[in-house]
Protein backbone atom coordinates (compact mmCIF):
# COMPACT_ATOMS: atom_id res chain seq x y z
CA MET A 1 -113.41 121.97 -92.23
CA PRO A 2 -117.18 121.94 -92.46
CA LYS A 3 -118.34 125.38 -93.52
CA TYR A 4 -120.98 126.51 -91.14
CA GLN A 5 -122.56 128.90 -93.59
CA VAL A 6 -126.10 130.11 -94.08
CA ASN A 7 -128.45 127.18 -94.58
CA LEU A 8 -131.09 127.75 -97.23
CA TRP A 9 -133.25 125.00 -95.86
CA LYS A 10 -133.05 121.74 -94.02
CA LEU A 11 -135.20 119.04 -95.56
CA ILE A 12 -135.15 115.48 -94.20
CA ARG A 13 -136.06 113.10 -96.98
CA SER A 14 -135.11 109.46 -97.38
CA ILE A 15 -135.88 107.57 -100.57
CA SER A 16 -135.77 103.83 -101.07
CA SER A 17 -136.57 102.06 -104.32
CA THR A 18 -136.66 98.60 -102.82
CA THR A 19 -140.29 98.56 -101.76
CA TRP A 20 -143.07 98.10 -104.31
CA ILE A 21 -146.59 99.01 -103.29
CA VAL A 22 -149.73 98.48 -105.32
CA PHE A 23 -152.75 100.56 -104.35
CA SER A 24 -155.84 98.49 -103.75
CA GLY A 25 -159.22 99.17 -102.27
CA ALA A 26 -159.14 95.85 -100.44
CA ALA A 27 -159.71 96.04 -96.71
CA THR A 28 -156.81 95.24 -94.39
CA ALA A 29 -158.86 95.51 -91.23
CA THR A 30 -162.49 95.23 -90.17
CA ALA A 31 -164.27 98.48 -90.86
CA THR A 32 -166.04 100.32 -88.10
CA PRO A 33 -169.72 101.21 -88.69
CA ASN A 34 -170.32 104.69 -90.07
CA SER A 35 -171.89 105.97 -86.84
CA GLU A 36 -168.81 104.96 -84.91
CA LEU A 37 -166.61 106.51 -87.59
CA SER A 38 -168.39 109.80 -87.25
CA SER A 39 -167.90 109.81 -83.51
CA ALA A 40 -164.27 108.74 -83.75
CA SER A 41 -163.39 111.36 -86.33
CA LYS A 42 -164.63 114.08 -83.98
CA GLU A 43 -162.29 113.13 -81.18
CA LEU A 44 -159.71 115.52 -82.60
CA SER A 45 -160.48 118.95 -83.92
CA SER A 46 -158.96 119.88 -87.27
CA SER A 47 -156.38 122.12 -85.60
CA GLU A 48 -155.44 119.48 -83.01
CA PHE A 49 -155.07 116.86 -85.70
CA THR A 50 -152.84 119.10 -87.83
CA LYS A 51 -150.78 120.03 -84.80
CA ILE A 52 -149.89 116.38 -84.13
CA GLU A 53 -149.19 115.88 -87.83
CA GLU A 54 -146.76 118.82 -87.77
CA ALA A 55 -145.11 117.46 -84.63
CA ILE A 56 -144.45 114.18 -86.42
CA PHE A 57 -142.96 116.05 -89.37
CA ASP A 58 -140.65 118.11 -87.12
CA ALA A 59 -139.69 115.24 -84.80
CA ILE A 60 -136.09 114.20 -84.39
CA GLU A 61 -135.36 110.55 -83.70
CA SER A 62 -135.45 110.95 -79.92
CA ASP A 63 -138.96 112.47 -80.11
CA LEU A 64 -140.49 109.52 -81.96
CA PRO A 65 -141.09 107.12 -79.02
CA LYS A 66 -143.22 109.65 -77.13
CA LEU A 67 -145.24 110.42 -80.22
CA GLU A 68 -145.70 106.71 -80.85
CA ILE A 69 -147.09 106.20 -77.35
CA ARG A 70 -149.46 109.13 -77.77
CA VAL A 71 -150.88 107.93 -81.10
CA ALA A 72 -150.97 104.29 -79.96
CA ARG A 73 -153.20 105.28 -77.04
CA MET A 74 -155.56 106.98 -79.46
CA LEU A 75 -155.76 103.74 -81.45
CA GLN A 76 -156.29 101.65 -78.33
CA ASN A 77 -159.16 103.87 -77.25
CA ASN A 78 -160.79 103.63 -80.66
CA PRO A 79 -159.26 101.38 -83.38
CA GLY A 80 -161.70 102.89 -85.87
CA ASN A 81 -160.46 106.44 -85.45
CA ILE A 82 -159.36 107.42 -88.94
CA HIS A 83 -157.25 110.27 -87.56
CA ALA A 84 -155.33 107.88 -85.32
CA ASN A 85 -154.81 105.35 -88.12
CA TYR A 86 -153.53 108.08 -90.46
CA LEU A 87 -151.23 109.55 -87.80
CA MET A 88 -149.77 106.15 -86.94
CA SER A 89 -149.15 105.46 -90.62
CA THR A 90 -147.44 108.83 -90.95
CA LEU A 91 -145.40 108.25 -87.80
CA LEU A 92 -144.21 104.82 -88.93
CA LEU A 93 -143.20 106.32 -92.26
CA LYS A 94 -141.22 108.97 -90.40
CA MET A 95 -139.55 106.25 -88.33
CA TYR A 96 -138.68 104.44 -91.55
CA THR A 97 -136.92 107.54 -92.92
CA THR A 98 -134.69 107.59 -89.83
CA ASP A 99 -133.94 103.87 -90.24
CA PRO A 100 -134.44 102.87 -93.90
CA GLY A 101 -133.26 99.34 -93.20
CA SER A 102 -136.36 98.59 -91.11
CA PHE A 103 -138.65 97.48 -93.93
CA ILE A 104 -141.24 96.23 -91.45
CA LEU A 105 -141.97 99.88 -90.64
CA ILE A 106 -142.96 100.75 -94.19
CA LYS A 107 -145.06 97.60 -94.42
CA GLN A 108 -146.89 98.51 -91.22
CA SER A 109 -147.30 102.09 -92.45
CA THR A 110 -148.80 100.78 -95.69
CA ASP A 111 -151.24 98.50 -93.83
CA LEU A 112 -152.45 101.40 -91.69
CA ALA A 113 -152.76 103.69 -94.71
CA ALA A 114 -154.90 101.09 -96.48
CA GLN A 115 -156.98 100.65 -93.34
CA THR A 116 -157.47 104.42 -93.12
CA TYR A 117 -158.75 104.42 -96.68
CA ASP A 118 -161.05 101.49 -96.03
CA LEU A 119 -162.51 103.06 -92.90
CA SER A 120 -163.82 106.00 -94.89
CA ARG A 121 -163.42 106.16 -98.64
CA LYS A 122 -164.94 109.63 -98.66
CA ASN A 123 -162.07 110.95 -96.57
CA GLU A 124 -158.79 111.84 -98.26
CA LEU A 125 -156.54 110.66 -95.40
CA GLY A 126 -156.00 107.12 -96.61
CA ILE A 127 -155.26 108.29 -100.15
CA ALA A 128 -152.80 110.92 -98.93
CA ALA A 129 -151.06 108.39 -96.67
CA LEU A 130 -150.65 105.88 -99.51
CA ALA A 131 -149.38 108.60 -101.85
CA ASN A 132 -146.77 109.64 -99.29
CA ILE A 133 -145.60 106.04 -98.92
CA LEU A 134 -145.20 105.70 -102.68
CA GLU A 135 -143.24 108.96 -102.82
CA ILE A 136 -140.84 107.89 -100.06
CA SER A 137 -140.44 104.51 -101.77
CA GLY A 138 -139.38 106.14 -105.03
CA GLU A 139 -142.58 105.05 -106.78
CA SER A 140 -143.65 108.47 -108.04
CA GLU A 141 -145.22 107.21 -111.28
CA ARG A 142 -147.34 104.68 -109.40
CA GLY A 143 -148.37 107.36 -106.96
CA LEU A 144 -149.42 109.76 -109.69
CA SER A 145 -151.32 106.99 -111.48
CA MET A 146 -153.16 106.27 -108.25
CA LEU A 147 -154.10 109.92 -107.78
CA ASN A 148 -155.24 110.19 -111.39
CA GLU A 149 -157.52 107.21 -110.82
CA VAL A 150 -158.86 108.82 -107.64
CA GLU A 151 -159.68 112.01 -109.55
CA ARG A 152 -161.25 110.02 -112.40
CA ARG A 153 -163.58 108.32 -109.94
CA GLY A 154 -164.59 111.67 -108.48
CA ILE A 155 -163.33 110.86 -104.98
CA PRO A 156 -162.97 114.13 -103.01
CA ILE A 157 -159.38 115.16 -102.25
CA GLY A 158 -158.08 117.85 -99.92
CA TRP A 159 -154.90 119.79 -99.30
CA ARG A 160 -153.01 116.76 -97.95
CA THR A 161 -153.55 114.82 -101.17
CA LYS A 162 -152.61 117.88 -103.23
CA LEU A 163 -149.42 118.23 -101.21
CA ALA A 164 -148.67 114.55 -101.73
CA LYS A 165 -149.22 115.08 -105.46
CA ALA A 166 -146.73 117.97 -105.45
CA LYS A 167 -144.09 115.78 -103.82
CA LEU A 168 -144.73 113.02 -106.35
CA LEU A 169 -144.45 115.52 -109.20
CA GLN A 170 -140.97 116.59 -108.06
CA SER A 171 -139.54 113.54 -109.80
CA SER A 172 -140.87 114.88 -113.13
CA HIS A 173 -138.45 117.83 -112.87
CA ASN A 174 -141.24 120.15 -113.97
CA PRO A 175 -141.32 122.86 -111.28
CA GLU A 176 -144.36 124.57 -112.80
CA LEU A 177 -146.49 121.47 -112.23
CA VAL A 178 -145.23 121.19 -108.65
CA LEU A 179 -145.94 124.86 -107.96
CA GLN A 180 -149.46 124.52 -109.37
CA ALA A 181 -150.15 121.55 -107.09
CA LEU A 182 -148.84 123.50 -104.11
CA GLU A 183 -150.97 126.50 -105.01
CA ASP A 184 -153.99 124.19 -105.13
CA ALA A 185 -153.11 122.89 -101.67
CA LEU A 186 -152.70 126.41 -100.28
CA SER A 187 -156.14 127.39 -101.57
CA ASP A 188 -157.65 125.36 -98.71
CA PRO A 189 -157.90 127.64 -95.65
CA ARG A 190 -157.30 124.62 -93.40
CA ALA A 191 -154.00 123.75 -95.10
CA SER A 192 -150.87 123.55 -92.97
CA HIS A 193 -148.42 126.09 -94.35
CA HIS A 194 -145.84 124.54 -92.06
CA LEU A 195 -146.05 121.22 -93.93
CA ILE A 196 -146.33 122.77 -97.38
CA SER A 197 -143.48 125.28 -97.11
CA PRO A 198 -140.52 122.82 -97.23
CA VAL A 199 -141.63 121.47 -100.60
CA LEU A 200 -142.34 124.97 -101.89
CA ILE A 201 -138.97 126.28 -100.74
CA GLN A 202 -137.11 123.38 -102.30
CA VAL A 203 -138.73 124.03 -105.69
CA LEU A 204 -138.08 127.77 -105.56
CA LEU A 205 -134.44 127.33 -104.60
CA GLU A 206 -133.84 124.81 -107.36
CA LYS A 207 -135.67 126.82 -110.05
CA TYR A 208 -134.45 130.36 -109.36
CA ASP A 209 -131.20 132.13 -108.47
CA GLY A 210 -130.13 135.54 -107.22
CA ASP A 211 -132.61 138.40 -107.33
CA GLU A 212 -135.21 136.27 -109.09
CA GLN A 213 -135.06 133.75 -106.26
CA ILE A 214 -135.51 136.50 -103.68
CA ASN A 215 -138.46 137.98 -105.56
CA LYS A 216 -140.16 134.59 -105.93
CA LEU A 217 -139.70 133.83 -102.23
CA LYS A 218 -141.24 137.20 -101.39
CA GLU A 219 -144.15 136.55 -103.74
CA TRP A 220 -144.93 133.09 -102.37
CA LYS A 221 -144.42 134.21 -98.79
CA THR A 222 -147.66 136.19 -99.05
CA ARG A 223 -149.50 132.93 -99.80
CA CYS A 224 -147.56 130.51 -97.62
CA LYS A 225 -146.95 132.03 -94.23
CA SER A 226 -144.42 130.08 -92.16
CA VAL A 227 -141.17 130.59 -90.33
CA ALA A 228 -139.51 128.37 -92.92
CA MET A 229 -140.36 130.84 -95.69
CA ASP A 230 -138.91 133.70 -93.64
CA LEU A 231 -135.73 131.69 -92.98
CA ALA A 232 -135.36 130.83 -96.66
CA LEU A 233 -135.81 134.45 -97.71
CA ALA A 234 -133.28 135.65 -95.13
CA ALA A 235 -130.76 133.05 -96.25
CA SER A 236 -131.27 133.98 -99.89
CA HIS A 237 -130.59 137.63 -99.05
CA ALA A 238 -127.46 136.64 -97.15
CA ILE A 239 -126.10 134.47 -99.95
CA SER A 240 -126.66 137.36 -102.37
CA GLY A 241 -124.60 139.59 -100.08
CA GLU A 242 -127.60 141.56 -98.83
CA ASN A 243 -126.61 141.22 -95.20
CA GLU A 244 -128.70 144.07 -93.81
CA ALA A 245 -131.88 142.72 -95.40
CA ALA A 246 -131.12 139.27 -93.98
CA MET A 247 -130.42 140.71 -90.52
CA LYS A 248 -133.77 142.51 -90.51
CA ILE A 249 -135.66 139.29 -91.24
CA TYR A 250 -133.72 137.33 -88.60
CA PHE A 251 -134.49 140.00 -86.00
CA SER A 252 -138.17 139.69 -86.88
CA ILE A 253 -138.08 135.89 -86.61
CA LEU A 254 -136.30 135.98 -83.26
CA GLU A 255 -138.81 138.43 -81.83
CA GLN A 256 -141.50 135.77 -82.30
CA HIS A 257 -139.32 132.67 -81.92
CA PRO A 258 -136.33 133.59 -79.73
CA ASN A 259 -135.01 130.01 -79.64
CA ASN A 260 -135.06 129.30 -83.37
CA ILE A 261 -131.67 127.67 -83.84
CA GLU A 262 -131.34 128.34 -87.55
CA ALA A 263 -132.06 132.04 -87.10
CA LEU A 264 -129.68 132.30 -84.15
CA ILE A 265 -126.76 130.65 -85.92
CA ASN A 266 -127.30 132.34 -89.27
CA GLN A 267 -127.71 135.80 -87.81
CA GLY A 268 -124.57 135.19 -85.77
CA ILE A 269 -122.67 134.30 -88.94
CA ILE A 270 -123.83 137.47 -90.66
CA ALA A 271 -122.96 139.50 -87.57
CA MET A 272 -119.42 138.12 -87.84
CA ARG A 273 -119.27 139.21 -91.47
CA LEU A 274 -120.25 142.70 -90.33
CA LYS A 275 -117.67 142.48 -87.51
CA ASN A 276 -120.42 142.81 -84.91
CA TYR A 277 -118.77 140.21 -82.71
CA GLY A 278 -120.79 141.11 -79.62
CA LEU A 279 -124.05 140.19 -81.32
CA ALA A 280 -122.45 137.09 -82.84
CA VAL A 281 -121.30 135.86 -79.44
CA LYS A 282 -124.77 136.45 -78.00
CA ARG A 283 -126.48 134.54 -80.80
CA PHE A 284 -124.12 131.56 -80.78
CA SER A 285 -124.31 131.31 -76.98
CA SER A 286 -128.10 131.23 -77.16
CA ALA A 287 -127.99 128.56 -79.87
CA ILE A 288 -125.74 126.39 -77.70
CA GLU A 289 -128.10 126.81 -74.74
CA ASN A 290 -131.23 125.95 -76.72
CA GLY A 291 -129.91 123.51 -79.33
CA THR A 292 -130.89 119.84 -79.31
CA LEU A 293 -129.25 118.45 -82.45
CA PRO A 294 -125.52 117.67 -82.12
CA GLY A 295 -124.76 119.22 -85.52
CA ASP A 296 -126.41 122.51 -84.57
CA ILE A 297 -124.62 122.64 -81.23
CA THR A 298 -121.24 121.94 -82.87
CA ALA A 299 -121.88 124.66 -85.46
CA ALA A 300 -122.77 127.14 -82.72
CA GLN A 301 -119.78 126.18 -80.56
CA THR A 302 -117.37 126.45 -83.46
CA ASN A 303 -118.69 129.81 -84.56
CA LEU A 304 -118.69 131.06 -80.96
CA ALA A 305 -115.01 130.19 -80.70
CA ASN A 306 -114.26 131.96 -83.99
CA ALA A 307 -116.22 135.04 -82.91
CA LEU A 308 -114.38 135.28 -79.57
CA ILE A 309 -111.02 134.79 -81.29
CA SER A 310 -111.85 137.55 -83.79
CA GLU A 311 -113.14 139.86 -81.04
CA LYS A 312 -109.74 139.59 -79.24
CA ARG A 313 -111.18 140.77 -75.94
CA GLN A 314 -111.32 137.55 -73.93
CA PRO A 315 -108.50 135.25 -75.08
CA GLU A 316 -108.97 132.68 -72.32
CA LEU A 317 -112.71 132.47 -72.96
CA ALA A 318 -111.97 132.11 -76.66
CA LYS A 319 -109.68 129.17 -75.96
CA LYS A 320 -112.24 127.52 -73.72
CA ALA A 321 -114.93 127.89 -76.38
CA ALA A 322 -112.57 126.41 -78.95
CA TYR A 323 -111.77 123.39 -76.77
CA ASP A 324 -115.47 122.82 -76.07
CA ALA A 325 -116.19 122.90 -79.80
CA ILE A 326 -113.40 120.43 -80.57
CA LYS A 327 -114.40 118.03 -77.80
CA GLY A 328 -118.05 118.07 -78.84
CA ALA A 329 -117.49 117.62 -82.57
CA SER A 330 -117.85 114.40 -84.51
CA ASP A 331 -115.38 115.84 -87.04
CA THR A 332 -112.74 116.79 -84.49
CA GLU A 333 -110.00 117.40 -87.03
CA GLY A 334 -112.18 119.57 -89.27
CA VAL A 335 -113.24 121.79 -86.39
CA LEU A 336 -109.65 122.09 -85.12
CA ILE A 337 -108.33 123.09 -88.54
CA GLY A 338 -111.07 125.69 -88.94
CA ILE A 339 -110.46 127.24 -85.52
CA LEU A 340 -106.71 127.27 -86.09
CA ALA A 341 -107.28 129.07 -89.40
CA THR A 342 -109.12 131.80 -87.48
CA TYR A 343 -106.26 132.05 -84.97
CA ARG A 344 -103.74 132.39 -87.78
CA LYS A 345 -105.82 135.08 -89.45
CA GLU A 346 -106.88 137.09 -86.41
CA SER A 347 -104.20 136.51 -83.75
CA SER A 348 -100.46 136.64 -83.27
CA VAL A 349 -98.18 133.64 -83.61
CA GLY A 350 -97.79 133.70 -79.83
CA ALA A 351 -101.55 133.51 -79.23
CA THR A 352 -101.83 130.68 -81.76
CA LEU A 353 -99.03 128.76 -80.08
CA SER A 354 -100.63 129.32 -76.66
CA PHE A 355 -103.87 127.82 -78.00
CA LEU A 356 -102.01 124.76 -79.30
CA ASP A 357 -99.98 124.40 -76.09
CA ASP A 358 -103.08 124.30 -73.90
CA LEU A 359 -104.85 122.05 -76.39
CA GLU A 360 -102.54 119.21 -75.32
CA THR A 361 -104.03 119.19 -71.82
CA SER A 362 -107.57 120.39 -72.64
CA VAL A 363 -108.12 117.80 -75.40
CA PRO A 364 -105.48 115.14 -74.67
CA GLY A 365 -104.50 112.54 -77.23
CA LEU A 366 -105.26 114.69 -80.27
CA HIS A 367 -102.48 113.79 -82.69
CA LEU A 368 -103.38 116.49 -85.19
CA GLY A 369 -102.95 119.09 -82.45
CA TYR A 370 -99.34 118.00 -81.94
CA ALA A 371 -98.73 118.04 -85.69
CA LEU A 372 -100.17 121.52 -86.18
CA LYS A 373 -98.12 122.82 -83.28
CA ALA A 374 -95.01 121.24 -84.78
CA GLU A 375 -95.72 122.87 -88.12
CA LEU A 376 -96.02 126.28 -86.44
CA LEU A 377 -92.82 125.76 -84.46
CA SER A 378 -90.89 124.70 -87.55
CA GLU A 379 -92.16 127.03 -90.25
CA LYS A 380 -92.95 130.21 -88.32
CA LEU A 381 -90.55 130.14 -85.36
CA GLY A 382 -87.62 128.03 -86.58
CA ARG A 383 -87.72 125.97 -83.37
CA TYR A 384 -86.79 122.76 -85.15
CA TYR A 385 -85.93 120.62 -82.11
CA ASP A 386 -89.25 121.47 -80.42
CA ALA A 387 -91.02 120.79 -83.71
CA MET A 388 -89.38 117.37 -84.01
CA GLN A 389 -90.56 116.43 -80.53
CA SER A 390 -94.09 117.54 -81.28
CA PHE A 391 -94.11 115.62 -84.57
CA THR A 392 -92.83 112.57 -82.70
CA ASN A 393 -95.74 112.85 -80.26
CA ALA A 394 -98.13 113.01 -83.21
CA ILE A 395 -96.53 109.93 -84.81
CA THR A 396 -96.73 108.01 -81.54
CA LEU A 397 -100.47 108.64 -81.40
CA GLU A 398 -101.07 108.07 -85.12
CA PRO A 399 -98.23 106.28 -86.94
CA MET A 400 -100.07 105.99 -90.26
CA ARG A 401 -100.12 109.67 -91.25
CA SER A 402 -97.43 110.29 -93.87
CA GLU A 403 -97.59 114.07 -93.42
CA TYR A 404 -96.30 113.71 -89.86
CA TYR A 405 -93.14 111.92 -91.00
CA ASN A 406 -92.84 114.44 -93.82
CA GLY A 407 -93.09 117.35 -91.39
CA ARG A 408 -90.50 115.89 -89.04
CA GLY A 409 -88.20 115.28 -92.00
CA LEU A 410 -88.44 118.95 -92.95
CA ALA A 411 -87.51 119.90 -89.38
CA TRP A 412 -84.42 117.67 -89.61
CA MET A 413 -83.59 119.35 -92.94
CA GLY A 414 -83.86 122.69 -91.16
CA ILE A 415 -80.88 121.83 -88.95
CA GLY A 416 -78.93 120.12 -91.72
CA ARG A 417 -79.42 116.51 -90.62
CA ILE A 418 -80.12 115.26 -94.12
CA GLU A 419 -79.56 111.53 -93.46
CA ILE A 420 -82.12 111.47 -90.68
CA ALA A 421 -84.51 113.57 -92.76
CA LEU A 422 -84.18 111.06 -95.61
CA ASN A 423 -85.32 108.27 -93.27
CA ASP A 424 -88.44 110.23 -92.31
CA PHE A 425 -89.28 111.02 -95.95
CA GLU A 426 -88.83 107.36 -96.78
CA SER A 427 -91.16 106.43 -93.92
CA ALA A 428 -93.70 108.92 -95.27
CA THR A 429 -93.62 107.41 -98.78
CA PHE A 430 -93.86 103.92 -97.32
CA THR A 431 -96.87 104.95 -95.22
CA ASN A 432 -98.56 106.61 -98.18
CA PRO A 433 -97.03 105.89 -101.60
CA ASP A 434 -99.29 108.56 -103.15
CA ASP A 435 -97.97 111.41 -100.99
CA ALA A 436 -96.43 113.64 -103.68
CA SER A 437 -94.94 116.12 -101.20
CA ALA A 438 -93.13 113.39 -99.29
CA ARG A 439 -91.81 111.93 -102.55
CA TYR A 440 -90.59 115.37 -103.63
CA ASN A 441 -88.86 116.01 -100.30
CA PHE A 442 -87.31 112.54 -100.51
CA ALA A 443 -85.82 113.59 -103.87
CA CYS A 444 -84.51 116.84 -102.35
CA ALA A 445 -82.77 114.95 -99.55
CA LEU A 446 -81.22 112.50 -102.06
CA ALA A 447 -79.95 115.44 -104.11
CA ARG A 448 -78.43 117.07 -101.04
CA LEU A 449 -76.65 113.80 -100.31
CA GLY A 450 -75.26 113.61 -103.86
CA ARG A 451 -77.38 110.65 -104.95
CA LYS A 452 -78.35 112.32 -108.20
CA GLU A 453 -79.70 109.35 -110.13
CA ASP A 454 -81.95 108.24 -107.29
CA ALA A 455 -83.05 111.83 -106.78
CA VAL A 456 -84.16 112.22 -110.42
CA ILE A 457 -86.14 108.97 -110.24
CA ALA A 458 -87.90 110.08 -107.05
CA LEU A 459 -88.53 113.53 -108.52
CA GLY A 460 -90.10 112.07 -111.64
CA MET A 461 -92.46 109.99 -109.51
CA ALA A 462 -93.42 113.13 -107.55
CA PHE A 463 -94.12 115.02 -110.79
CA GLU A 464 -96.38 112.24 -112.02
CA MET A 465 -98.38 112.53 -108.80
CA ASP A 466 -98.57 116.34 -108.83
CA GLN A 467 -97.38 118.33 -111.85
CA ARG A 468 -97.57 121.58 -109.89
CA LEU A 469 -94.34 120.54 -108.16
CA MET A 470 -92.48 121.07 -111.44
CA ILE A 471 -92.79 124.84 -111.05
CA HIS A 472 -91.25 124.81 -107.58
CA ALA A 473 -88.50 122.40 -108.63
CA GLN A 474 -87.09 124.82 -111.19
CA THR A 475 -85.95 127.25 -108.47
CA ASP A 476 -85.59 124.95 -105.45
CA GLN A 477 -82.05 125.27 -104.10
CA ASP A 478 -82.16 121.74 -102.73
CA LEU A 479 -82.18 120.55 -106.35
CA ALA A 480 -79.39 122.83 -107.61
CA SER A 481 -77.00 119.94 -108.10
CA LEU A 482 -79.45 118.22 -110.45
CA ARG A 483 -80.07 121.05 -112.92
CA PRO A 484 -77.05 120.35 -115.14
CA GLU A 485 -78.05 116.69 -115.44
CA PRO A 486 -79.69 115.65 -118.75
CA SER A 487 -82.04 113.29 -116.92
CA PHE A 488 -83.29 116.19 -114.80
CA LYS A 489 -83.85 118.37 -117.88
CA ALA A 490 -85.67 115.49 -119.56
CA LEU A 491 -88.32 115.60 -116.84
CA PHE A 492 -89.28 119.05 -118.09
CA ASP A 493 -88.66 118.47 -121.82
CA GLY A 494 -90.98 115.47 -121.86
CA ASN A 495 -88.22 113.31 -123.39
CA SER A 496 -88.07 110.79 -120.61
CA LYS A 497 -89.80 107.53 -121.47
CA GLN A 498 -89.88 106.58 -117.82
CA PHE A 499 -91.64 109.78 -116.75
CA SER A 500 -94.06 111.25 -119.26
CA VAL A 501 -94.93 114.52 -117.56
CA ALA A 502 -96.86 117.19 -119.45
CA HIS A 503 -95.83 120.83 -119.27
């Protein structure tokens, strides 16, 4: 099951080493006269420009078309607008990271970056755009060489170029150099802390652990003020077991940003740890209502189901939440197994069985649901005939899962029908020759039927696949008839040439 635990930080970064870019001062478009440049550059204030830049950084794939239309209109109105050229280059680079196979996007981004540089070589935007392209392309050394040349020529650079330099320096694995570049970027009062903080957080999390990590995050938070820094600090507290400190920060974040999905989900998880299920339910419900990314919604739905199950106050609502989570998940089986684990831990066998019974109609066609129900019926309740029917339903839906045949075979063993069980174990080993449990159970059935030689051979194969089975075999009553046999003892003495199994 995917563990929906506290996320230290979410950083979208795609790297491709297939594109080679050489920085050149050559023009890729006709330059606009300086008077026109001056007018064009004033069309956006510094804050408006940065706001669009941040929107591009935060955008999910579905947001990109609207942003593209917005920036394209700016270019249509004035092709010489350096802000618009830079933003379009940045946007195309973002689009490339969501679809790295579209190499035309990075080419177009490069053309616009070069045009931005050519439009005004006294403005850092073109340089920053080209540096970002080189970083995404895995060409960090080329990017750093370019920036060194820029500095040598005395070309003015700003916080965007310094941020680009920090990202390029990450490949050097020298965090001190990266932190120095980030500090240089933050020294500019116009710098976007929102854009700088992800790089800063990544470096701090990689360089420090435990209390030192928390202290460093606190220290840098005074210089880089962003929600991301608060989220990272809260998560670091939570991972260190300082739940109350984390809760305090999440409350503060949610006062200012009540729909922040990361804060909602993470505080809900901590609330569950503290057995404050009421708060957990409230947070997960809000995350479901406000979430836009499928992964976030699935995480919230799954945790909501687990919180309601643990709360034990609204069993029907808990089941509904669980079914919604399973239906909405891309990893249906993982979510089901996780929710069932919570049922087994927090609820009675009857409540767990009721959940699995209703699952058949709420999420029809889920073969794993039938198999898990069969396992419960067989191992916990001894209802072998019902278990066999449920395993049969699972096999009908998915005939290539060896564990389903293995489970049905064990149910047949439970009522003493060894011959039929042997057929199921044989089907399991045929379906998956590497299934050690099925091979072991096949050996047990052979031993029960008196086929000692075949049983020892099958047992040796099972031991080769999983040596842990040797411990169980020494006391397993199904293998009692084999213990006097020299060939059986040889499996443990290491004397068998056919099966060389270490102790």
